[in-house]
Amino acid sequence: MNPHDNPGILTFLRRLLYFSILLGLVFTGIYFLVSKKFITPVYPFLFLFFMIITSGGYYFLIRATRQQFVKFVNYYLLITALKLLLFIGVIFSYCLLNKADAIAFAASFFVLYFCYSVFEVVNLVSYSKSLHK
């Protein structure tokens, strides 16, 4: 599916970029205002990671909306489960390799996971409503 076939994907990618920039500015401000032990120094890479995963998941879910609702729900659950397994693997691997930064990494990861998950769900609901109008 070509992104130009569905302007909703381009709108989502633009919103994702703006959201990530805003969230990045907040994280950068917090990074310089509070103790460095609360935010991992690899947080810029976490933003890139979450942007890629969120945009990929959204793309496949938008494609699934063209099918029956039951298939969309199945895709949503499958993508969510795969993302969770990937996230657990990333957290576990990083924490094993960088024990000194484990708590800050896990905390930063969780905050970003929550923010990007809410962002994705809000945009999916918005897209779904626009289809039914």
N, C-alpha and C. Protein backbone atom coordinates (compact mmCIF):
# COMPACT_ATOMS: atom_id res chain seq x y z
N MET A 1 0.85 -1.18 0.00
CA MET A 1 0.00 0.00 0.00
C MET A 1 0.89 1.23 0.00
N ASN A 2 0.66 2.08 -0.93
CA ASN A 2 1.40 3.32 -1.06
C ASN A 2 0.87 4.34 -0.05
N PRO A 3 1.74 5.01 0.71
CA PRO A 3 1.25 5.99 1.68
C PRO A 3 0.40 7.09 1.06
N HIS A 4 0.62 7.36 -0.24
CA HIS A 4 -0.16 8.40 -0.90
C HIS A 4 -1.58 7.93 -1.20
N ASP A 5 -1.82 6.61 -1.13
CA ASP A 5 -3.17 6.08 -1.32
C ASP A 5 -4.06 6.40 -0.13
N ASN A 6 -3.47 6.63 1.01
CA ASN A 6 -4.23 6.89 2.22
C ASN A 6 -3.66 8.12 2.92
N PRO A 7 -4.29 9.28 2.74
CA PRO A 7 -3.75 10.48 3.37
C PRO A 7 -3.77 10.41 4.90
N GLY A 8 -4.54 9.49 5.49
CA GLY A 8 -4.56 9.33 6.94
C GLY A 8 -3.21 8.92 7.48
N ILE A 9 -2.46 8.15 6.71
CA ILE A 9 -1.13 7.71 7.15
C ILE A 9 -0.17 8.90 7.15
N LEU A 10 -0.24 9.72 6.10
CA LEU A 10 0.64 10.89 6.06
C LEU A 10 0.31 11.86 7.19
N THR A 11 -0.98 12.03 7.46
CA THR A 11 -1.39 12.89 8.58
C THR A 11 -0.86 12.33 9.89
N PHE A 12 -0.96 11.01 10.05
CA PHE A 12 -0.45 10.38 11.26
C PHE A 12 1.05 10.58 11.40
N LEU A 13 1.79 10.39 10.32
CA LEU A 13 3.25 10.55 10.38
C LEU A 13 3.63 11.98 10.75
N ARG A 14 2.90 12.95 10.23
CA ARG A 14 3.16 14.35 10.57
C ARG A 14 2.86 14.59 12.06
N ARG A 15 1.73 14.07 12.52
CA ARG A 15 1.38 14.21 13.95
C ARG A 15 2.41 13.52 14.83
N LEU A 16 2.87 12.34 14.38
CA LEU A 16 3.87 11.59 15.14
C LEU A 16 5.16 12.38 15.25
N LEU A 17 5.56 13.03 14.18
CA LEU A 17 6.78 13.84 14.20
C LEU A 17 6.62 15.01 15.17
N TYR A 18 5.51 15.73 15.08
CA TYR A 18 5.27 16.86 15.99
C TYR A 18 5.21 16.39 17.44
N PHE A 19 4.51 15.29 17.68
CA PHE A 19 4.39 14.73 19.03
C PHE A 19 5.77 14.36 19.57
N SER A 20 6.58 13.73 18.74
CA SER A 20 7.91 13.29 19.17
C SER A 20 8.81 14.48 19.47
N ILE A 21 8.71 15.52 18.66
CA ILE A 21 9.52 16.73 18.91
C ILE A 21 9.12 17.36 20.23
N LEU A 22 7.81 17.49 20.45
CA LEU A 22 7.33 18.08 21.70
C LEU A 22 7.76 17.23 22.91
N LEU A 23 7.56 15.93 22.80
CA LEU A 23 7.96 15.03 23.88
C LEU A 23 9.47 15.05 24.09
N GLY A 24 10.22 15.16 23.00
CA GLY A 24 11.68 15.25 23.10
C GLY A 24 12.13 16.51 23.81
N LEU A 25 11.45 17.62 23.54
CA LEU A 25 11.78 18.86 24.24
C LEU A 25 11.48 18.74 25.74
N VAL A 26 10.37 18.10 26.06
CA VAL A 26 10.03 17.90 27.48
C VAL A 26 11.09 17.03 28.15
N PHE A 27 11.45 15.91 27.50
CA PHE A 27 12.47 15.02 28.06
C PHE A 27 13.81 15.72 28.21
N THR A 28 14.17 16.53 27.21
CA THR A 28 15.44 17.26 27.28
C THR A 28 15.43 18.25 28.44
N GLY A 29 14.32 18.95 28.61
CA GLY A 29 14.20 19.86 29.75
C GLY A 29 14.32 19.15 31.07
N ILE A 30 13.63 18.01 31.18
CA ILE A 30 13.71 17.22 32.41
C ILE A 30 15.14 16.71 32.62
N TYR A 31 15.79 16.30 31.53
CA TYR A 31 17.14 15.77 31.61
C TYR A 31 18.11 16.79 32.20
N PHE A 32 17.92 18.06 31.84
CA PHE A 32 18.82 19.10 32.35
C PHE A 32 18.38 19.67 33.70
N LEU A 33 17.12 19.46 34.08
CA LEU A 33 16.62 20.02 35.34
C LEU A 33 16.76 19.08 36.53
N VAL A 34 16.64 17.79 36.28
CA VAL A 34 16.70 16.83 37.38
C VAL A 34 18.01 16.06 37.32
N SER A 35 18.21 15.24 38.30
CA SER A 35 19.41 14.42 38.35
C SER A 35 19.48 13.49 37.14
N LYS A 36 20.67 13.33 36.61
CA LYS A 36 20.87 12.50 35.41
C LYS A 36 20.54 11.04 35.65
N LYS A 37 20.41 10.64 36.90
CA LYS A 37 20.14 9.22 37.18
C LYS A 37 18.69 8.84 36.91
N PHE A 38 17.81 9.83 36.67
CA PHE A 38 16.40 9.53 36.44
C PHE A 38 16.04 9.34 34.96
N ILE A 39 16.88 9.83 34.06
CA ILE A 39 16.64 9.68 32.63
C ILE A 39 17.89 9.10 31.99
N THR A 40 17.69 8.07 31.20
CA THR A 40 18.81 7.40 30.56
C THR A 40 19.46 8.30 29.50
N PRO A 41 20.75 8.22 29.34
CA PRO A 41 21.41 9.03 28.31
C PRO A 41 21.10 8.57 26.88
N VAL A 42 20.50 7.40 26.72
CA VAL A 42 20.16 6.90 25.38
C VAL A 42 18.73 7.26 24.98
N TYR A 43 18.11 8.20 25.71
CA TYR A 43 16.71 8.52 25.41
C TYR A 43 16.49 9.02 23.98
N PRO A 44 17.43 9.71 23.32
CA PRO A 44 17.16 10.09 21.92
C PRO A 44 16.94 8.87 21.02
N PHE A 45 17.66 7.80 21.29
CA PHE A 45 17.48 6.58 20.50
C PHE A 45 16.14 5.91 20.81
N LEU A 46 15.68 6.08 22.03
CA LEU A 46 14.36 5.54 22.38
C LEU A 46 13.26 6.23 21.59
N PHE A 47 13.41 7.54 21.37
CA PHE A 47 12.42 8.25 20.57
C PHE A 47 12.38 7.70 19.15
N LEU A 48 13.53 7.51 18.56
CA LEU A 48 13.59 6.95 17.22
C LEU A 48 12.98 5.54 17.19
N PHE A 49 13.30 4.74 18.17
CA PHE A 49 12.76 3.38 18.29
C PHE A 49 11.23 3.41 18.37
N PHE A 50 10.70 4.26 19.24
CA PHE A 50 9.24 4.32 19.39
C PHE A 50 8.56 4.92 18.16
N MET A 51 9.20 5.85 17.50
CA MET A 51 8.61 6.41 16.28
C MET A 51 8.51 5.33 15.19
N ILE A 52 9.53 4.53 15.05
CA ILE A 52 9.52 3.46 14.04
C ILE A 52 8.47 2.41 14.38
N ILE A 53 8.44 1.97 15.62
CA ILE A 53 7.50 0.93 16.03
C ILE A 53 6.07 1.44 15.95
N THR A 54 5.83 2.65 16.40
CA THR A 54 4.47 3.22 16.38
C THR A 54 3.98 3.41 14.95
N SER A 55 4.82 3.95 14.09
CA SER A 55 4.39 4.16 12.70
C SER A 55 4.16 2.84 11.98
N GLY A 56 5.00 1.85 12.24
CA GLY A 56 4.81 0.53 11.63
C GLY A 56 3.52 -0.13 12.09
N GLY A 57 3.29 -0.10 13.38
CA GLY A 57 2.06 -0.69 13.92
C GLY A 57 0.82 0.02 13.39
N TYR A 58 0.86 1.33 13.33
CA TYR A 58 -0.28 2.10 12.84
C TYR A 58 -0.55 1.79 11.36
N TYR A 59 0.51 1.68 10.58
CA TYR A 59 0.38 1.35 9.16
C TYR A 59 -0.37 0.03 8.97
N PHE A 60 0.04 -1.00 9.70
CA PHE A 60 -0.61 -2.30 9.55
C PHE A 60 -2.04 -2.27 10.08
N LEU A 61 -2.29 -1.50 11.12
CA LEU A 61 -3.65 -1.41 11.64
C LEU A 61 -4.57 -0.65 10.68
N ILE A 62 -4.05 0.37 10.02
CA ILE A 62 -4.86 1.10 9.04
C ILE A 62 -5.18 0.18 7.87
N ARG A 63 -4.24 -0.63 7.47
CA ARG A 63 -4.52 -1.60 6.40
C ARG A 63 -5.59 -2.59 6.84
N ALA A 64 -5.58 -2.95 8.11
CA ALA A 64 -6.56 -3.92 8.62
C ALA A 64 -7.96 -3.33 8.69
N THR A 65 -8.08 -2.00 8.73
CA THR A 65 -9.41 -1.40 8.81
C THR A 65 -10.20 -1.62 7.52
N ARG A 66 -9.53 -1.97 6.45
CA ARG A 66 -10.21 -2.25 5.19
C ARG A 66 -10.92 -3.60 5.22
N GLN A 67 -10.63 -4.38 6.22
CA GLN A 67 -11.23 -5.71 6.33
C GLN A 67 -12.33 -5.69 7.37
N GLN A 68 -12.83 -6.87 7.68
CA GLN A 68 -13.89 -6.99 8.67
C GLN A 68 -13.38 -6.54 10.04
N PHE A 69 -14.33 -6.10 10.88
CA PHE A 69 -13.97 -5.61 12.21
C PHE A 69 -13.29 -6.70 13.03
N VAL A 70 -13.73 -7.94 12.90
CA VAL A 70 -13.13 -9.05 13.65
C VAL A 70 -11.66 -9.22 13.27
N LYS A 71 -11.36 -9.06 11.98
CA LYS A 71 -9.96 -9.17 11.55
C LYS A 71 -9.14 -8.01 12.09
N PHE A 72 -9.74 -6.82 12.13
CA PHE A 72 -9.04 -5.67 12.69
C PHE A 72 -8.68 -5.93 14.15
N VAL A 73 -9.64 -6.45 14.91
CA VAL A 73 -9.39 -6.74 16.32
C VAL A 73 -8.27 -7.77 16.45
N ASN A 74 -8.30 -8.79 15.61
CA ASN A 74 -7.24 -9.81 15.65
C ASN A 74 -5.88 -9.20 15.33
N TYR A 75 -5.83 -8.34 14.30
CA TYR A 75 -4.57 -7.66 13.97
C TYR A 75 -4.10 -6.77 15.12
N TYR A 76 -5.03 -6.05 15.72
CA TYR A 76 -4.67 -5.17 16.83
C TYR A 76 -4.06 -5.97 17.99
N LEU A 77 -4.70 -7.07 18.33
CA LEU A 77 -4.19 -7.90 19.42
C LEU A 77 -2.84 -8.52 19.06
N LEU A 78 -2.70 -8.96 17.82
CA LEU A 78 -1.43 -9.56 17.39
C LEU A 78 -0.31 -8.53 17.40
N ILE A 79 -0.56 -7.36 16.85
CA ILE A 79 0.46 -6.32 16.81
C ILE A 79 0.83 -5.86 18.22
N THR A 80 -0.16 -5.73 19.08
CA THR A 80 0.10 -5.34 20.47
C THR A 80 0.95 -6.40 21.18
N ALA A 81 0.62 -7.66 20.99
CA ALA A 81 1.40 -8.74 21.63
C ALA A 81 2.83 -8.76 21.10
N LEU A 82 3.00 -8.60 19.79
CA LEU A 82 4.35 -8.60 19.22
C LEU A 82 5.16 -7.41 19.73
N LYS A 83 4.52 -6.26 19.80
CA LYS A 83 5.22 -5.09 20.32
C LYS A 83 5.63 -5.30 21.78
N LEU A 84 4.74 -5.85 22.58
CA LEU A 84 5.08 -6.10 23.99
C LEU A 84 6.25 -7.06 24.13
N LEU A 85 6.26 -8.11 23.32
CA LEU A 85 7.39 -9.06 23.36
C LEU A 85 8.69 -8.36 22.94
N LEU A 86 8.61 -7.55 21.90
CA LEU A 86 9.79 -6.81 21.47
C LEU A 86 10.26 -5.86 22.57
N PHE A 87 9.33 -5.14 23.19
CA PHE A 87 9.68 -4.20 24.24
C PHE A 87 10.31 -4.90 25.44
N ILE A 88 9.75 -6.01 25.83
CA ILE A 88 10.32 -6.77 26.95
C ILE A 88 11.74 -7.23 26.61
N GLY A 89 11.92 -7.68 25.37
CA GLY A 89 13.26 -8.10 24.94
C GLY A 89 14.26 -6.96 24.95
N VAL A 90 13.85 -5.80 24.50
CA VAL A 90 14.74 -4.64 24.48
C VAL A 90 15.10 -4.22 25.90
N ILE A 91 14.10 -4.13 26.76
CA ILE A 91 14.36 -3.73 28.16
C ILE A 91 15.28 -4.74 28.84
N PHE A 92 14.95 -6.00 28.69
CA PHE A 92 15.73 -7.06 29.33
C PHE A 92 17.18 -7.05 28.83
N SER A 93 17.35 -6.97 27.52
CA SER A 93 18.70 -6.98 26.94
C SER A 93 19.51 -5.77 27.39
N TYR A 94 18.90 -4.60 27.32
CA TYR A 94 19.63 -3.40 27.70
C TYR A 94 20.01 -3.43 29.18
N CYS A 95 19.07 -3.86 30.01
CA CYS A 95 19.34 -3.88 31.45
C CYS A 95 20.42 -4.90 31.81
N LEU A 96 20.49 -6.00 31.07
CA LEU A 96 21.56 -6.97 31.31
C LEU A 96 22.92 -6.41 30.89
N LEU A 97 22.94 -5.67 29.81
CA LEU A 97 24.21 -5.16 29.29
C LEU A 97 24.67 -3.87 29.98
N ASN A 98 23.73 -3.11 30.54
CA ASN A 98 24.05 -1.83 31.18
C ASN A 98 23.38 -1.74 32.54
N LYS A 99 23.90 -2.48 33.48
CA LYS A 99 23.27 -2.56 34.79
C LYS A 99 23.25 -1.23 35.53
N ALA A 100 24.23 -0.38 35.29
CA ALA A 100 24.28 0.91 35.98
C ALA A 100 23.15 1.83 35.52
N ASP A 101 22.69 1.66 34.30
CA ASP A 101 21.65 2.52 33.73
C ASP A 101 20.29 1.82 33.66
N ALA A 102 20.17 0.67 34.27
CA ALA A 102 18.97 -0.17 34.12
C ALA A 102 17.70 0.52 34.61
N ILE A 103 17.74 1.11 35.77
CA ILE A 103 16.52 1.71 36.34
C ILE A 103 16.11 2.94 35.53
N ALA A 104 17.05 3.80 35.19
CA ALA A 104 16.73 4.99 34.41
C ALA A 104 16.21 4.60 33.03
N PHE A 105 16.81 3.59 32.42
CA PHE A 105 16.37 3.13 31.10
C PHE A 105 14.95 2.58 31.17
N ALA A 106 14.70 1.71 32.14
CA ALA A 106 13.37 1.12 32.27
C ALA A 106 12.31 2.18 32.56
N ALA A 107 12.64 3.15 33.39
CA ALA A 107 11.68 4.22 33.70
C ALA A 107 11.41 5.08 32.47
N SER A 108 12.46 5.48 31.77
CA SER A 108 12.29 6.28 30.55
C SER A 108 11.52 5.50 29.50
N PHE A 109 11.83 4.22 29.37
CA PHE A 109 11.15 3.36 28.39
C PHE A 109 9.67 3.28 28.72
N PHE A 110 9.35 3.09 29.99
CA PHE A 110 7.94 2.98 30.39
C PHE A 110 7.17 4.27 30.11
N VAL A 111 7.77 5.40 30.42
CA VAL A 111 7.10 6.68 30.18
C VAL A 111 6.85 6.87 28.69
N LEU A 112 7.86 6.58 27.87
CA LEU A 112 7.68 6.71 26.43
C LEU A 112 6.68 5.69 25.89
N TYR A 113 6.72 4.48 26.41
CA TYR A 113 5.75 3.46 25.99
C TYR A 113 4.33 3.94 26.27
N PHE A 114 4.11 4.47 27.44
CA PHE A 114 2.78 4.96 27.80
C PHE A 114 2.36 6.12 26.88
N CYS A 115 3.25 7.09 26.69
CA CYS A 115 2.93 8.26 25.85
C CYS A 115 2.62 7.85 24.41
N TYR A 116 3.47 7.01 23.82
CA TYR A 116 3.25 6.60 22.44
C TYR A 116 2.05 5.67 22.30
N SER A 117 1.76 4.88 23.30
CA SER A 117 0.56 4.02 23.24
C SER A 117 -0.71 4.85 23.26
N VAL A 118 -0.76 5.84 24.14
CA VAL A 118 -1.92 6.73 24.19
C VAL A 118 -2.05 7.48 22.88
N PHE A 119 -0.95 7.98 22.36
CA PHE A 119 -0.96 8.70 21.09
C PHE A 119 -1.50 7.81 19.97
N GLU A 120 -1.05 6.58 19.90
CA GLU A 120 -1.49 5.66 18.84
C GLU A 120 -2.98 5.35 18.96
N VAL A 121 -3.46 5.07 20.16
CA VAL A 121 -4.87 4.75 20.35
C VAL A 121 -5.75 5.95 20.02
N VAL A 122 -5.36 7.13 20.45
CA VAL A 122 -6.15 8.34 20.14
C VAL A 122 -6.24 8.52 18.63
N ASN A 123 -5.16 8.31 17.93
CA ASN A 123 -5.17 8.48 16.47
C ASN A 123 -5.95 7.37 15.78
N LEU A 124 -5.91 6.16 16.31
CA LEU A 124 -6.71 5.08 15.73
C LEU A 124 -8.20 5.35 15.91
N VAL A 125 -8.59 5.83 17.07
CA VAL A 125 -9.99 6.16 17.32
C VAL A 125 -10.43 7.30 16.40
N SER A 126 -9.58 8.30 16.26
CA SER A 126 -9.88 9.43 15.38
C SER A 126 -10.04 8.96 13.94
N TYR A 127 -9.14 8.09 13.50
CA TYR A 127 -9.22 7.56 12.14
C TYR A 127 -10.49 6.72 11.95
N SER A 128 -10.80 5.92 12.93
CA SER A 128 -12.00 5.07 12.85
C SER A 128 -13.26 5.93 12.76
N LYS A 129 -13.33 6.99 13.55
CA LYS A 129 -14.48 7.89 13.49
C LYS A 129 -14.59 8.57 12.13
N SER A 130 -13.45 8.90 11.53
CA SER A 130 -13.50 9.56 10.22
C SER A 130 -13.98 8.61 9.14
N LEU A 131 -13.77 7.32 9.32
CA LEU A 131 -14.25 6.34 8.34
C LEU A 131 -15.76 6.17 8.39
N HIS A 132 -16.33 6.34 9.57
CA HIS A 132 -17.76 6.09 9.76
C HIS A 132 -18.61 7.33 9.51
N LYS A 133 -18.00 8.43 9.11
CA LYS A 133 -18.78 9.65 8.83
C LYS A 133 -19.23 9.66 7.40
